[in-house]
N, C-alpha and C. Protein backbone atom coordinates (compact mmCIF):
# COMPACT_ATOMS: atom_id res chain seq x y z
N UNK A 1 91.17 87.05 122.73
CA UNK A 1 92.55 86.03 122.87
C UNK A 1 93.67 85.94 121.75
N UNK A 2 94.56 86.20 122.06
CA UNK A 2 95.63 86.13 121.15
C UNK A 2 95.62 85.25 119.93
N UNK A 3 96.19 85.65 118.69
CA UNK A 3 96.41 84.89 117.63
C UNK A 3 97.58 84.99 116.97
N UNK A 4 98.40 84.75 117.52
CA UNK A 4 99.99 84.88 116.80
C UNK A 4 100.01 84.07 115.71
N UNK A 5 99.49 84.03 114.74
CA UNK A 5 99.51 83.43 113.50
C UNK A 5 100.89 83.76 112.89
N UNK A 6 101.50 84.37 112.59
CA UNK A 6 102.56 84.75 112.00
C UNK A 6 103.63 83.72 112.22
N UNK A 7 103.55 82.95 113.37
CA UNK A 7 104.81 81.89 113.48
C UNK A 7 104.28 81.02 112.88
N UNK A 8 103.24 80.33 112.34
CA UNK A 8 103.02 79.31 111.56
C UNK A 8 103.09 79.57 110.05
N UNK A 9 103.24 80.43 109.58
CA UNK A 9 103.62 80.51 108.03
C UNK A 9 104.94 80.00 107.92
N UNK A 10 105.11 79.34 106.74
CA UNK A 10 106.06 78.21 106.00
C UNK A 10 105.90 76.62 106.77
N UNK A 11 104.64 76.46 107.39
CA UNK A 11 104.43 75.23 108.15
C UNK A 11 103.71 74.33 106.93
N UNK A 12 103.62 73.00 107.24
CA UNK A 12 103.15 72.06 106.36
C UNK A 12 101.55 71.98 107.41
N UNK A 13 100.60 71.37 106.51
CA UNK A 13 99.55 70.80 106.88
C UNK A 13 99.41 69.91 108.30
N UNK A 14 100.45 69.08 108.14
CA UNK A 14 100.47 68.18 109.55
C UNK A 14 101.51 68.68 110.12
N UNK A 15 102.20 69.76 110.39
CA UNK A 15 103.06 70.62 111.28
C UNK A 15 102.48 70.06 112.50
N UNK A 16 103.19 70.25 113.88
CA UNK A 16 102.63 70.18 115.10
C UNK A 16 102.14 71.53 115.52
N UNK A 17 102.99 72.78 115.07
CA UNK A 17 102.49 73.87 115.09
C UNK A 17 100.93 74.10 115.01
N UNK A 18 100.72 73.99 113.25
CA UNK A 18 99.45 73.97 113.01
C UNK A 18 98.40 73.26 113.69
N UNK A 19 98.69 72.04 114.33
CA UNK A 19 97.89 71.07 114.88
C UNK A 19 97.46 71.57 116.40
N UNK A 20 98.13 72.28 117.02
CA UNK A 20 98.23 72.93 118.32
C UNK A 20 97.16 74.02 118.19
N UNK A 21 97.63 74.87 117.15
CA UNK A 21 96.82 76.05 117.05
C UNK A 21 95.54 75.70 117.07
N UNK A 22 94.84 74.95 116.02
CA UNK A 22 93.59 74.61 115.65
C UNK A 22 93.25 73.91 117.11
N UNK A 23 93.66 73.23 117.72
CA UNK A 23 93.19 72.83 119.13
C UNK A 23 93.08 73.60 120.43
N UNK A 24 93.79 74.89 120.03
CA UNK A 24 93.59 76.15 121.29
C UNK A 24 92.50 76.32 120.67
N UNK A 25 91.65 76.67 119.75
CA UNK A 25 90.36 77.29 119.18
C UNK A 25 89.33 75.94 119.71
N UNK A 26 89.39 74.82 119.33
CA UNK A 26 88.16 73.76 120.00
C UNK A 26 89.23 72.52 119.77
N UNK A 27 89.57 71.97 120.88
CA UNK A 27 90.50 70.64 121.20
C UNK A 27 89.53 69.26 120.36
N UNK A 28 88.02 69.58 120.28
CA UNK A 28 87.27 68.17 119.81
C UNK A 28 87.34 67.83 118.47
N UNK A 29 87.90 66.61 118.40
CA UNK A 29 88.41 65.84 117.00
C UNK A 29 87.74 66.18 115.69
N UNK A 30 86.37 66.16 116.44
CA UNK A 30 85.33 66.48 114.66
C UNK A 30 85.54 68.05 114.42
N UNK A 31 85.87 68.79 115.02
CA UNK A 31 86.23 70.18 114.85
C UNK A 31 87.43 70.29 113.84
N UNK A 32 88.01 69.60 113.70
CA UNK A 32 89.58 69.58 113.42
C UNK A 32 89.59 68.77 112.65
N UNK A 33 88.54 68.42 111.86
CA UNK A 33 88.43 67.51 110.43
C UNK A 33 88.11 68.57 109.31
N UNK A 34 89.33 69.29 108.29
CA UNK A 34 88.91 70.01 107.38
C UNK A 34 88.19 69.46 106.00
N UNK A 35 87.17 70.75 105.98
CA UNK A 35 87.24 70.50 104.37
C UNK A 35 88.33 71.03 103.54
N UNK A 36 88.53 70.17 102.56
CA UNK A 36 89.66 70.32 101.69
C UNK A 36 89.15 70.68 100.41
N UNK A 37 89.97 71.92 99.94
CA UNK A 37 89.56 72.21 98.54
C UNK A 37 90.95 72.57 97.39
N UNK A 38 91.52 71.82 96.70
CA UNK A 38 92.61 71.80 96.06
C UNK A 38 92.50 72.41 94.61
N UNK A 39 93.46 73.00 94.58
CA UNK A 39 93.67 73.70 93.06
C UNK A 39 95.24 73.67 92.91
N UNK A 40 95.79 73.87 91.65
CA UNK A 40 96.70 73.92 91.14
C UNK A 40 97.82 74.77 92.22
N UNK A 41 97.11 76.13 92.32
CA UNK A 41 98.01 76.95 92.81
C UNK A 41 97.77 77.17 94.27
N UNK A 42 96.82 76.80 94.63
CA UNK A 42 96.64 76.85 95.99
C UNK A 42 95.42 75.68 97.17
N UNK A 43 96.12 75.29 97.85
CA UNK A 43 94.82 74.31 98.80
C UNK A 43 94.18 75.17 99.87
N UNK A 44 93.65 74.90 100.24
CA UNK A 44 92.36 75.78 101.31
C UNK A 44 92.08 74.43 102.40
N UNK A 45 92.37 74.58 103.48
CA UNK A 45 91.80 74.08 104.34
C UNK A 45 90.71 74.52 104.94
N UNK A 46 89.68 73.91 104.94
CA UNK A 46 88.44 74.73 105.59
C UNK A 46 87.96 74.24 106.98
N UNK A 47 88.10 75.38 108.45
CA UNK A 47 87.60 74.55 109.48
C UNK A 47 86.20 75.28 109.57
N UNK A 48 85.22 74.72 109.06
CA UNK A 48 84.05 75.55 109.35
C UNK A 48 83.57 75.78 110.78
N UNK A 49 83.61 74.77 111.50
CA UNK A 49 83.56 75.13 112.77
C UNK A 49 83.76 76.13 113.68
N UNK A 50 85.18 75.93 113.31
CA UNK A 50 86.08 77.17 113.78
C UNK A 50 86.52 78.25 113.54
N UNK A 51 85.63 78.72 112.45
CA UNK A 51 85.54 80.19 111.39
C UNK A 51 86.84 80.44 111.03
N UNK A 52 87.65 78.98 110.59
CA UNK A 52 89.09 79.39 110.29
C UNK A 52 89.47 78.46 108.52
N UNK A 53 90.36 79.58 107.95
CA UNK A 53 90.58 78.63 107.04
C UNK A 53 91.81 78.81 106.54
N UNK A 54 92.78 77.94 106.12
CA UNK A 54 94.21 77.81 106.25
C UNK A 54 94.37 77.91 104.56
N UNK A 55 95.49 78.78 104.18
CA UNK A 55 95.76 78.11 102.75
C UNK A 55 97.39 78.08 102.48
N UNK A 56 97.14 76.66 102.02
CA UNK A 56 98.68 76.35 101.63
C UNK A 56 99.33 76.41 100.06
N UNK A 57 100.23 77.17 99.97
CA UNK A 57 100.51 77.35 98.54
C UNK A 57 101.73 76.24 98.33
N UNK A 58 101.34 75.38 96.93
CA UNK A 58 102.45 74.17 96.57
C UNK A 58 103.64 74.88 96.35
N UNK A 59 104.59 74.24 96.81
CA UNK A 59 105.95 74.39 96.54
C UNK A 59 107.11 73.59 95.81
N UNK A 60 108.12 73.96 95.23
CA UNK A 60 109.30 73.04 94.51
C UNK A 60 108.57 72.28 93.20
N UNK A 61 107.67 73.58 92.66
CA UNK A 61 106.89 72.48 91.16
C UNK A 61 105.67 71.81 91.50
N UNK A 62 105.54 71.79 92.52
CA UNK A 62 104.13 71.06 93.10
C UNK A 62 102.97 71.72 92.45
N UNK A 63 101.99 70.94 91.80
CA UNK A 63 100.94 71.69 91.38
C UNK A 63 99.63 70.58 91.47
N UNK A 64 99.03 70.52 92.96
CA UNK A 64 97.96 69.12 92.58
C UNK A 64 97.19 69.38 91.87
N UNK A 65 96.44 68.46 91.51
CA UNK A 65 94.96 68.27 90.46
C UNK A 65 93.98 68.97 91.48
N UNK A 66 93.13 69.80 90.85
CA UNK A 66 92.21 70.11 91.74
C UNK A 66 91.07 68.86 92.06
N UNK A 67 91.00 69.06 93.05
CA UNK A 67 89.51 67.94 93.64
C UNK A 67 90.21 67.03 94.41
N UNK A 68 91.37 67.07 94.71
CA UNK A 68 92.11 65.84 95.52
C UNK A 68 91.79 66.19 96.89
N UNK A 69 91.76 64.85 97.34
CA UNK A 69 91.00 64.38 99.04
C UNK A 69 92.52 65.00 99.69
N UNK A 70 92.28 64.90 101.20
CA UNK A 70 93.39 65.10 101.93
C UNK A 70 94.38 63.80 101.64
N UNK A 71 93.92 62.83 101.81
CA UNK A 71 95.06 62.12 101.87
C UNK A 71 95.83 61.92 100.73
N UNK A 72 95.83 62.61 99.76
CA UNK A 72 96.25 62.68 98.28
C UNK A 72 97.45 64.05 97.91
N UNK A 73 96.95 64.80 98.98
CA UNK A 73 97.84 65.44 98.68
C UNK A 73 99.62 65.34 99.40
N UNK A 74 100.33 65.72 99.08
CA UNK A 74 101.48 66.05 99.32
C UNK A 74 102.01 66.97 100.54
N UNK A 75 102.07 66.75 101.28
CA UNK A 75 102.08 67.78 102.72
C UNK A 75 103.10 68.29 102.65
N UNK A 76 104.28 67.77 102.58
CA UNK A 76 105.99 68.15 102.40
C UNK A 76 106.07 69.27 101.55
N UNK A 77 105.21 69.32 100.65
CA UNK A 77 105.24 70.17 99.33
C UNK A 77 104.02 71.50 99.60
N UNK A 78 103.46 71.67 100.62
CA UNK A 78 103.01 72.08 101.00
C UNK A 78 103.11 73.89 101.90
N UNK A 79 103.00 74.68 102.13
CA UNK A 79 103.51 75.89 102.98
C UNK A 79 102.65 76.27 103.19
N UNK A 80 102.44 76.87 105.02
CA UNK A 80 101.07 78.15 104.88
C UNK A 80 101.69 79.43 104.62
N UNK A 81 100.45 79.57 103.57
CA UNK A 81 100.79 81.50 103.35
C UNK A 81 99.72 82.24 103.72
N UNK A 82 98.33 81.95 104.34
CA UNK A 82 97.55 82.70 104.31
C UNK A 82 96.71 82.00 105.66
N UNK A 83 96.24 83.04 106.15
CA UNK A 83 94.88 82.03 107.55
C UNK A 83 93.63 83.45 107.04
N UNK A 84 92.52 82.74 107.03
CA UNK A 84 91.14 83.29 107.07
C UNK A 84 90.46 83.68 108.42
N UNK A 85 89.72 84.50 108.77
CA UNK A 85 89.34 84.48 110.45
C UNK A 85 87.82 85.02 109.68
N UNK A 86 86.92 84.30 109.90
CA UNK A 86 85.68 84.33 109.84
C UNK A 86 84.98 85.18 111.10
N UNK A 87 83.82 86.21 110.83
CA UNK A 87 82.97 86.79 111.78
C UNK A 87 81.66 86.29 111.66
N UNK A 88 80.38 86.80 112.42
CA UNK A 88 79.14 86.52 112.40
C UNK A 88 78.65 87.90 112.00
N UNK A 89 77.86 88.37 111.11
CA UNK A 89 77.11 89.21 110.79
C UNK A 89 75.84 89.13 110.89
N UNK A 90 75.10 89.98 111.92
CA UNK A 90 73.69 90.14 112.52
C UNK A 90 73.06 91.05 111.29
N UNK A 91 72.46 90.54 110.69
CA UNK A 91 71.09 91.48 109.79
C UNK A 91 70.65 92.88 110.26
N UNK A 92 70.68 93.78 109.90
CA UNK A 92 70.03 94.97 110.66
C UNK A 92 69.29 95.65 109.73
N UNK A 93 67.64 96.07 110.17
CA UNK A 93 66.96 96.80 109.50
C UNK A 93 67.29 98.27 109.43
N UNK A 94 66.51 99.06 109.01
CA UNK A 94 66.81 101.00 109.15
C UNK A 94 66.85 101.49 110.44
N UNK A 95 66.18 100.49 111.13
CA UNK A 95 65.94 101.02 112.74
C UNK A 95 67.12 100.77 113.53
N UNK A 96 67.89 99.70 113.00
CA UNK A 96 69.12 99.32 113.86
C UNK A 96 69.08 98.34 114.33
N UNK A 97 68.03 97.88 114.62
CA UNK A 97 67.48 96.93 115.30
C UNK A 97 67.31 95.28 114.71
N UNK A 98 68.28 94.24 114.95
CA UNK A 98 68.68 92.92 114.19
C UNK A 98 66.95 92.38 113.62
N UNK A 99 67.39 92.36 112.52
CA UNK A 99 65.97 92.09 112.11
C UNK A 99 65.77 90.45 111.98
N UNK A 100 64.59 89.93 111.63
CA UNK A 100 64.35 88.54 111.68
C UNK A 100 64.95 87.76 110.90
N UNK A 101 65.40 86.90 111.43
CA UNK A 101 65.94 85.30 110.42
C UNK A 101 65.41 85.48 109.15
N UNK A 102 65.58 85.37 107.92
CA UNK A 102 64.98 84.80 106.96
C UNK A 102 64.87 83.16 106.63
N UNK A 103 64.50 82.70 105.54
CA UNK A 103 64.95 81.08 105.31
C UNK A 103 66.25 81.27 104.37
N UNK A 104 67.19 82.00 104.37
CA UNK A 104 68.34 81.99 103.61
C UNK A 104 69.52 80.71 104.30
N UNK A 105 70.49 80.56 103.43
CA UNK A 105 71.24 79.26 103.80
C UNK A 105 72.01 79.89 104.70
N UNK A 106 72.31 78.66 106.00
CA UNK A 106 73.21 78.89 107.01
C UNK A 106 74.54 79.68 106.26
N UNK A 107 75.01 80.50 107.24
CA UNK A 107 76.63 80.64 106.65
C UNK A 107 77.47 79.62 106.61
N UNK A 108 78.63 79.69 105.40
CA UNK A 108 79.33 78.73 105.90
C UNK A 108 80.20 78.24 106.87
N UNK A 109 80.56 79.14 106.96
CA UNK A 109 81.59 79.29 108.27
C UNK A 109 80.87 79.92 109.50
N UNK A 110 81.41 79.27 110.61
CA UNK A 110 80.74 79.67 111.81
C UNK A 110 81.80 80.95 112.32
N UNK A 111 81.39 81.43 113.25
CA UNK A 111 82.19 83.14 113.87
C UNK A 111 83.49 81.89 114.58
N UNK A 112 84.42 82.65 114.30
CA UNK A 112 85.62 82.12 114.92
C UNK A 112 85.51 82.28 116.77
N UNK A 113 85.80 81.27 117.35
CA UNK A 113 85.49 81.34 118.70
C UNK A 113 86.81 82.29 119.57
N UNK A 114 87.37 82.34 118.86
CA UNK A 114 88.37 83.21 119.56
C UNK A 114 88.23 84.93 119.76
N UNK A 115 87.06 85.55 119.04
CA UNK A 115 86.71 86.67 119.32
C UNK A 115 86.26 87.32 120.63
N UNK A 116 86.76 88.25 120.94
CA UNK A 116 87.48 89.24 120.21
C UNK A 116 88.87 88.78 120.52
N UNK A 117 89.76 89.10 119.32
CA UNK A 117 91.21 88.75 119.30
C UNK A 117 91.92 89.73 119.07
N UNK A 118 93.24 89.20 119.53
CA UNK A 118 94.54 90.12 119.43
C UNK A 118 95.34 89.82 118.55
N UNK A 119 95.50 90.35 117.62
CA UNK A 119 96.58 90.22 116.45
C UNK A 119 97.58 91.07 116.52
N UNK A 120 98.78 90.42 116.46
CA UNK A 120 100.32 91.73 116.65
C UNK A 120 100.70 92.03 115.16
N UNK A 121 100.46 93.18 115.33
CA UNK A 121 101.02 93.90 113.77
C UNK A 121 102.56 93.63 113.73
N UNK A 122 102.69 93.42 112.16
CA UNK A 122 104.19 93.44 111.91
C UNK A 122 104.94 94.16 111.88
N UNK A 123 106.39 94.02 112.80
CA UNK A 123 107.32 94.73 113.84
C UNK A 123 107.71 95.69 112.42
N UNK A 124 107.63 95.23 110.67
CA UNK A 124 108.35 96.11 110.04
C UNK A 124 107.77 97.42 109.51
N UNK A 125 106.32 97.02 109.64
CA UNK A 125 105.17 97.88 109.74
C UNK A 125 105.13 99.30 110.47
N UNK A 126 104.84 98.68 112.04
CA UNK A 126 104.45 100.02 112.92
C UNK A 126 105.91 100.32 113.59
N UNK A 127 106.94 100.16 113.50
CA UNK A 127 108.55 99.98 113.84
C UNK A 127 108.48 99.92 115.23
N UNK A 128 109.75 99.76 115.51
CA UNK A 128 110.15 99.56 116.90
C UNK A 128 109.79 100.74 117.78
N UNK A 129 109.59 100.66 118.92
CA UNK A 129 109.00 101.63 120.29
C UNK A 129 107.31 102.10 119.75
N UNK A 130 106.97 101.35 119.00
CA UNK A 130 105.47 102.01 118.65
C UNK A 130 104.64 101.43 119.93
N UNK A 131 103.87 102.16 120.11
CA UNK A 131 102.74 102.30 121.53
C UNK A 131 101.60 101.11 121.27
N UNK A 132 101.42 100.97 119.74
CA UNK A 132 100.40 99.98 119.23
C UNK A 132 100.81 99.15 118.38
N UNK A 133 101.23 97.54 119.14
CA UNK A 133 101.83 96.75 118.27
C UNK A 133 101.23 95.76 118.37
N UNK A 134 99.81 95.57 118.52
CA UNK A 134 99.05 94.79 118.13
C UNK A 134 97.50 95.60 118.11
N UNK A 135 96.39 94.77 117.24
CA UNK A 135 95.01 95.25 117.52
C UNK A 135 94.37 94.10 118.01
N UNK A 136 92.91 95.15 118.66
CA UNK A 136 92.23 94.04 119.34
C UNK A 136 90.86 94.32 118.49
N UNK A 137 90.46 93.10 117.89
CA UNK A 137 89.47 93.14 116.95
C UNK A 137 88.19 92.06 117.30
N UNK A 138 87.24 93.12 117.85
CA UNK A 138 85.89 92.79 118.11
C UNK A 138 85.02 92.18 117.01
N UNK A 139 83.76 91.70 117.52
CA UNK A 139 82.83 91.19 116.43
C UNK A 139 82.20 92.27 115.91
N UNK A 140 82.32 93.72 116.08
CA UNK A 140 81.60 94.47 115.78
C UNK A 140 82.55 95.79 115.27
N UNK A 141 83.86 95.47 115.18
CA UNK A 141 84.97 96.42 114.73
C UNK A 141 84.39 96.95 113.41
N UNK A 142 84.72 98.39 113.07
CA UNK A 142 84.32 98.40 112.04
C UNK A 142 85.29 99.24 111.01
N UNK A 143 85.20 99.45 109.53
CA UNK A 143 86.39 100.08 108.85
C UNK A 143 86.93 101.45 109.46
N UNK A 144 86.28 102.12 109.90
CA UNK A 144 87.13 103.41 110.64
C UNK A 144 87.95 102.87 111.63
N UNK A 145 87.96 101.86 112.55
CA UNK A 145 88.60 101.38 113.38
C UNK A 145 90.10 100.83 112.74
N UNK A 146 89.57 100.29 111.75
CA UNK A 146 90.90 99.42 111.07
C UNK A 146 91.81 100.77 110.62
N UNK A 147 91.03 101.78 110.01
CA UNK A 147 92.28 102.58 109.28
C UNK A 147 92.92 103.50 110.43
N UNK A 148 91.74 103.69 111.58
CA UNK A 148 92.78 104.37 112.61
C UNK A 148 93.70 103.58 113.27
N UNK A 149 94.00 102.45 112.97
CA UNK A 149 95.26 101.59 113.62
C UNK A 149 96.08 101.16 112.35
N UNK A 150 95.50 101.28 110.82
CA UNK A 150 96.96 101.04 110.28
C UNK A 150 96.86 101.60 109.07
N UNK A 151 96.06 102.98 109.20
CA UNK A 151 96.42 103.89 107.93
C UNK A 151 95.38 103.81 107.01
N UNK A 152 95.39 104.51 105.77
CA UNK A 152 95.01 104.32 104.40
C UNK A 152 95.42 102.99 103.91
N UNK A 153 94.67 102.04 103.50
CA UNK A 153 94.99 100.71 102.91
C UNK A 153 95.85 101.16 101.34
N UNK A 154 96.68 100.21 101.21
CA UNK A 154 97.65 100.24 100.15
C UNK A 154 96.58 99.66 99.06
N UNK A 155 96.05 98.98 99.36
CA UNK A 155 95.09 98.13 98.28
C UNK A 155 93.37 98.33 98.81
N UNK A 156 92.68 98.29 97.60
CA UNK A 156 91.27 98.43 98.07
C UNK A 156 90.33 97.72 96.75
N UNK A 157 89.05 97.58 97.03
CA UNK A 157 88.20 96.85 95.84
C UNK A 157 87.01 96.81 96.25
N UNK A 158 85.91 96.23 95.21
CA UNK A 158 84.60 96.05 95.65
C UNK A 158 84.02 97.25 95.54
N UNK A 159 82.80 96.73 96.00
CA UNK A 159 81.26 98.00 96.51
C UNK A 159 80.76 98.40 94.93
N UNK A 160 81.15 98.25 93.89
CA UNK A 160 80.69 98.71 92.83
C UNK A 160 79.29 97.94 92.09
N UNK A 161 78.33 98.59 91.43
CA UNK A 161 77.48 97.77 91.25
C UNK A 161 76.43 97.35 91.54
N UNK A 162 74.99 97.24 91.48
CA UNK A 162 74.04 97.33 92.39
C UNK A 162 73.93 96.45 93.75
N UNK A 163 73.45 96.66 94.59
CA UNK A 163 73.32 96.63 96.42
C UNK A 163 73.20 95.04 96.15
N UNK A 164 72.43 94.28 95.21
CA UNK A 164 71.98 92.97 95.45
C UNK A 164 73.51 92.18 94.82
N UNK A 165 73.94 92.50 94.13
CA UNK A 165 74.99 91.40 92.99
C UNK A 165 76.71 92.18 93.24
N UNK A 166 76.95 93.24 93.76
CA UNK A 166 78.06 93.79 94.26
C UNK A 166 79.31 92.92 94.86
N UNK A 167 80.22 93.32 94.39
CA UNK A 167 81.35 92.66 95.79
C UNK A 167 81.15 93.39 96.92
N UNK A 168 81.36 92.66 98.31
CA UNK A 168 81.92 93.68 99.06
C UNK A 168 83.03 94.28 99.18
N UNK A 169 82.90 95.64 99.86
CA UNK A 169 84.47 96.26 99.98
C UNK A 169 85.45 95.46 100.70
N UNK A 170 86.75 95.66 100.32
CA UNK A 170 87.65 94.93 100.74
C UNK A 170 88.94 95.98 100.92
N UNK A 171 89.69 95.94 101.79
CA UNK A 171 91.35 96.65 102.10
C UNK A 171 92.12 96.14 102.28
N UNK A 172 93.33 96.24 101.54
CA UNK A 172 94.67 95.30 102.02
C UNK A 172 95.49 96.39 102.80
N UNK A 173 96.35 96.07 103.89
CA UNK A 173 97.49 96.38 104.06
C UNK A 173 98.67 95.47 103.90
N UNK A 174 99.27 95.71 102.69
CA UNK A 174 100.28 94.48 102.49
C UNK A 174 101.71 94.64 103.77
N UNK A 175 102.14 95.85 103.82
CA UNK A 175 103.02 95.66 104.71
C UNK A 175 102.79 95.30 106.23
N UNK A 176 101.24 95.48 106.25
CA UNK A 176 100.85 94.76 107.66
C UNK A 176 100.46 93.24 107.50
N UNK A 177 100.69 92.94 105.99
CA UNK A 177 99.80 91.51 106.41
C UNK A 177 98.76 90.98 106.36
N UNK A 178 97.92 92.28 106.36
CA UNK A 178 96.75 92.21 106.59
C UNK A 178 95.61 92.58 105.57
N UNK A 179 94.57 92.03 105.17
CA UNK A 179 93.40 91.95 103.96
C UNK A 179 91.82 91.81 105.15
N UNK A 180 91.30 93.09 104.51
CA UNK A 180 89.96 92.85 105.59
C UNK A 180 88.63 93.25 104.56
N UNK A 181 87.64 91.68 104.62
CA UNK A 181 86.53 92.02 103.66
C UNK A 181 85.45 92.05 104.92
N UNK A 182 84.40 93.24 104.41
CA UNK A 182 83.76 93.81 104.95
C UNK A 182 82.56 93.20 104.68
N UNK A 183 81.32 93.55 105.46
CA UNK A 183 79.72 92.71 105.06
C UNK A 183 78.87 93.62 105.66
N UNK A 184 77.38 93.50 105.47
CA UNK A 184 76.46 94.07 105.43
C UNK A 184 75.92 94.64 104.30
N UNK A 185 75.18 95.35 104.35
CA UNK A 185 74.35 96.27 103.19
C UNK A 185 75.63 97.43 103.04
N UNK A 186 76.44 97.76 104.25
CA UNK A 186 77.50 99.05 104.33
C UNK A 186 78.29 98.90 103.13
N UNK A 187 78.27 97.33 102.86
CA UNK A 187 80.12 97.34 102.38
C UNK A 187 79.64 96.78 100.67
N UNK A 188 78.46 97.20 100.30
CA UNK A 188 78.29 96.69 98.99
C UNK A 188 77.10 97.99 98.34
N UNK A 189 77.30 98.18 97.03
CA UNK A 189 75.94 98.81 96.30
C UNK A 189 77.06 100.12 95.73
N UNK A 190 76.44 101.19 95.21
CA UNK A 190 76.76 102.48 94.50
C UNK A 190 77.60 103.46 95.67
N UNK A 191 77.03 103.22 96.89
CA UNK A 191 77.82 104.42 97.76
C UNK A 191 78.48 103.34 98.88
N UNK A 192 78.76 102.23 98.35
CA UNK A 192 79.82 101.37 99.66
C UNK A 192 80.63 102.12 100.17
N UNK A 193 81.56 102.90 99.48
CA UNK A 193 82.89 103.62 100.19
C UNK A 193 82.37 104.42 101.03
N UNK A 194 81.40 105.29 100.57
CA UNK A 194 81.21 106.73 101.72
C UNK A 194 80.42 105.72 102.84
N UNK A 195 79.71 104.99 102.90
CA UNK A 195 79.29 104.10 104.12
C UNK A 195 80.13 102.71 104.87
N UNK A 196 80.80 102.78 103.87
CA UNK A 196 82.03 101.69 104.36
C UNK A 196 82.72 101.83 105.61
N UNK A 197 82.94 103.10 106.20
CA UNK A 197 83.43 103.62 107.36
C UNK A 197 82.63 103.02 109.11
N UNK A 198 81.46 102.74 108.43
CA UNK A 198 80.22 101.90 109.54
C UNK A 198 80.45 100.53 109.15
N UNK A 199 81.16 99.73 108.16
CA UNK A 199 80.80 98.56 108.11
C UNK A 199 81.22 97.39 108.56
N UNK A 200 81.09 96.98 109.30
CA UNK A 200 81.48 95.65 110.32
C UNK A 200 82.43 94.34 109.30
N UNK A 201 83.35 93.96 109.80
CA UNK A 201 84.15 93.11 109.41
C UNK A 201 83.42 91.94 109.41
N UNK A 202 83.60 90.84 107.97
CA UNK A 202 83.33 89.59 107.55
C UNK A 202 84.60 88.85 107.63
N UNK A 203 85.60 88.97 107.38
CA UNK A 203 86.99 87.96 106.97
C UNK A 203 88.12 88.99 107.52
N UNK A 204 89.14 88.37 108.11
CA UNK A 204 90.34 88.98 108.44
C UNK A 204 91.25 88.01 107.86
N UNK A 205 92.12 88.50 106.97
CA UNK A 205 93.15 87.57 106.36
C UNK A 205 94.49 87.88 106.89
N UNK A 206 95.06 87.21 107.83
CA UNK A 206 96.54 87.22 107.76
C UNK A 206 97.35 86.54 107.27
N UNK A 207 98.47 87.21 106.26
CA UNK A 207 99.68 86.50 105.45
C UNK A 207 100.92 87.43 105.91
N UNK A 208 102.15 86.60 105.28
CA UNK A 208 103.35 87.09 105.71
C UNK A 208 103.34 88.84 104.79
N UNK A 209 103.84 89.51 105.55
CA UNK A 209 104.05 90.89 104.94
C UNK A 209 104.72 91.11 103.64
N UNK A 210 104.55 91.90 103.13
CA UNK A 210 105.14 92.09 101.91
C UNK A 210 105.27 93.72 101.42
N UNK A 211 106.12 94.07 100.40
CA UNK A 211 106.28 95.22 99.70
C UNK A 211 105.54 95.51 99.16
């Protein structure tokens, strides 16, 4: 499914365009009620059932207090600045077969039902006349596929420290307005960057392109 989220940037939480976007994913009313996490520099609208999190940045000097509820926020002072799209990662054993689920807590976000999704690339990044003006992202898309589409990332991090406690590797293509966090055992630990090409994405963040 196409996800042309770039048209939504700059919208307020109550904008009709934002509501319509969410309804395209799931029209059920209960799925459209967000968990709101407010901080002075960013407000997150988390739609767990949709596998989507919307990031709204305060404008005009507005600094919401941490912990404010949805009805306490000033919508006209918030503008959409980023969208997180979540994937479902199925643990695999060394044999490559899915492992038997353990007693770990369920994931905070369901996988986004839009998968596989097509995200248009930023025109300023791929250039006019490019044959690849969009990316088709499936649930099993790996790091090497993102690099083949977008080239080497301008920023990256994570992957250091012990496998049990390190941050997963992530890559950012600022001119494309795309950041990807990878998941699974390939995405963390001392050899994460050597194995990262085979790591499957966990979160794709779309934001306004920047230099």
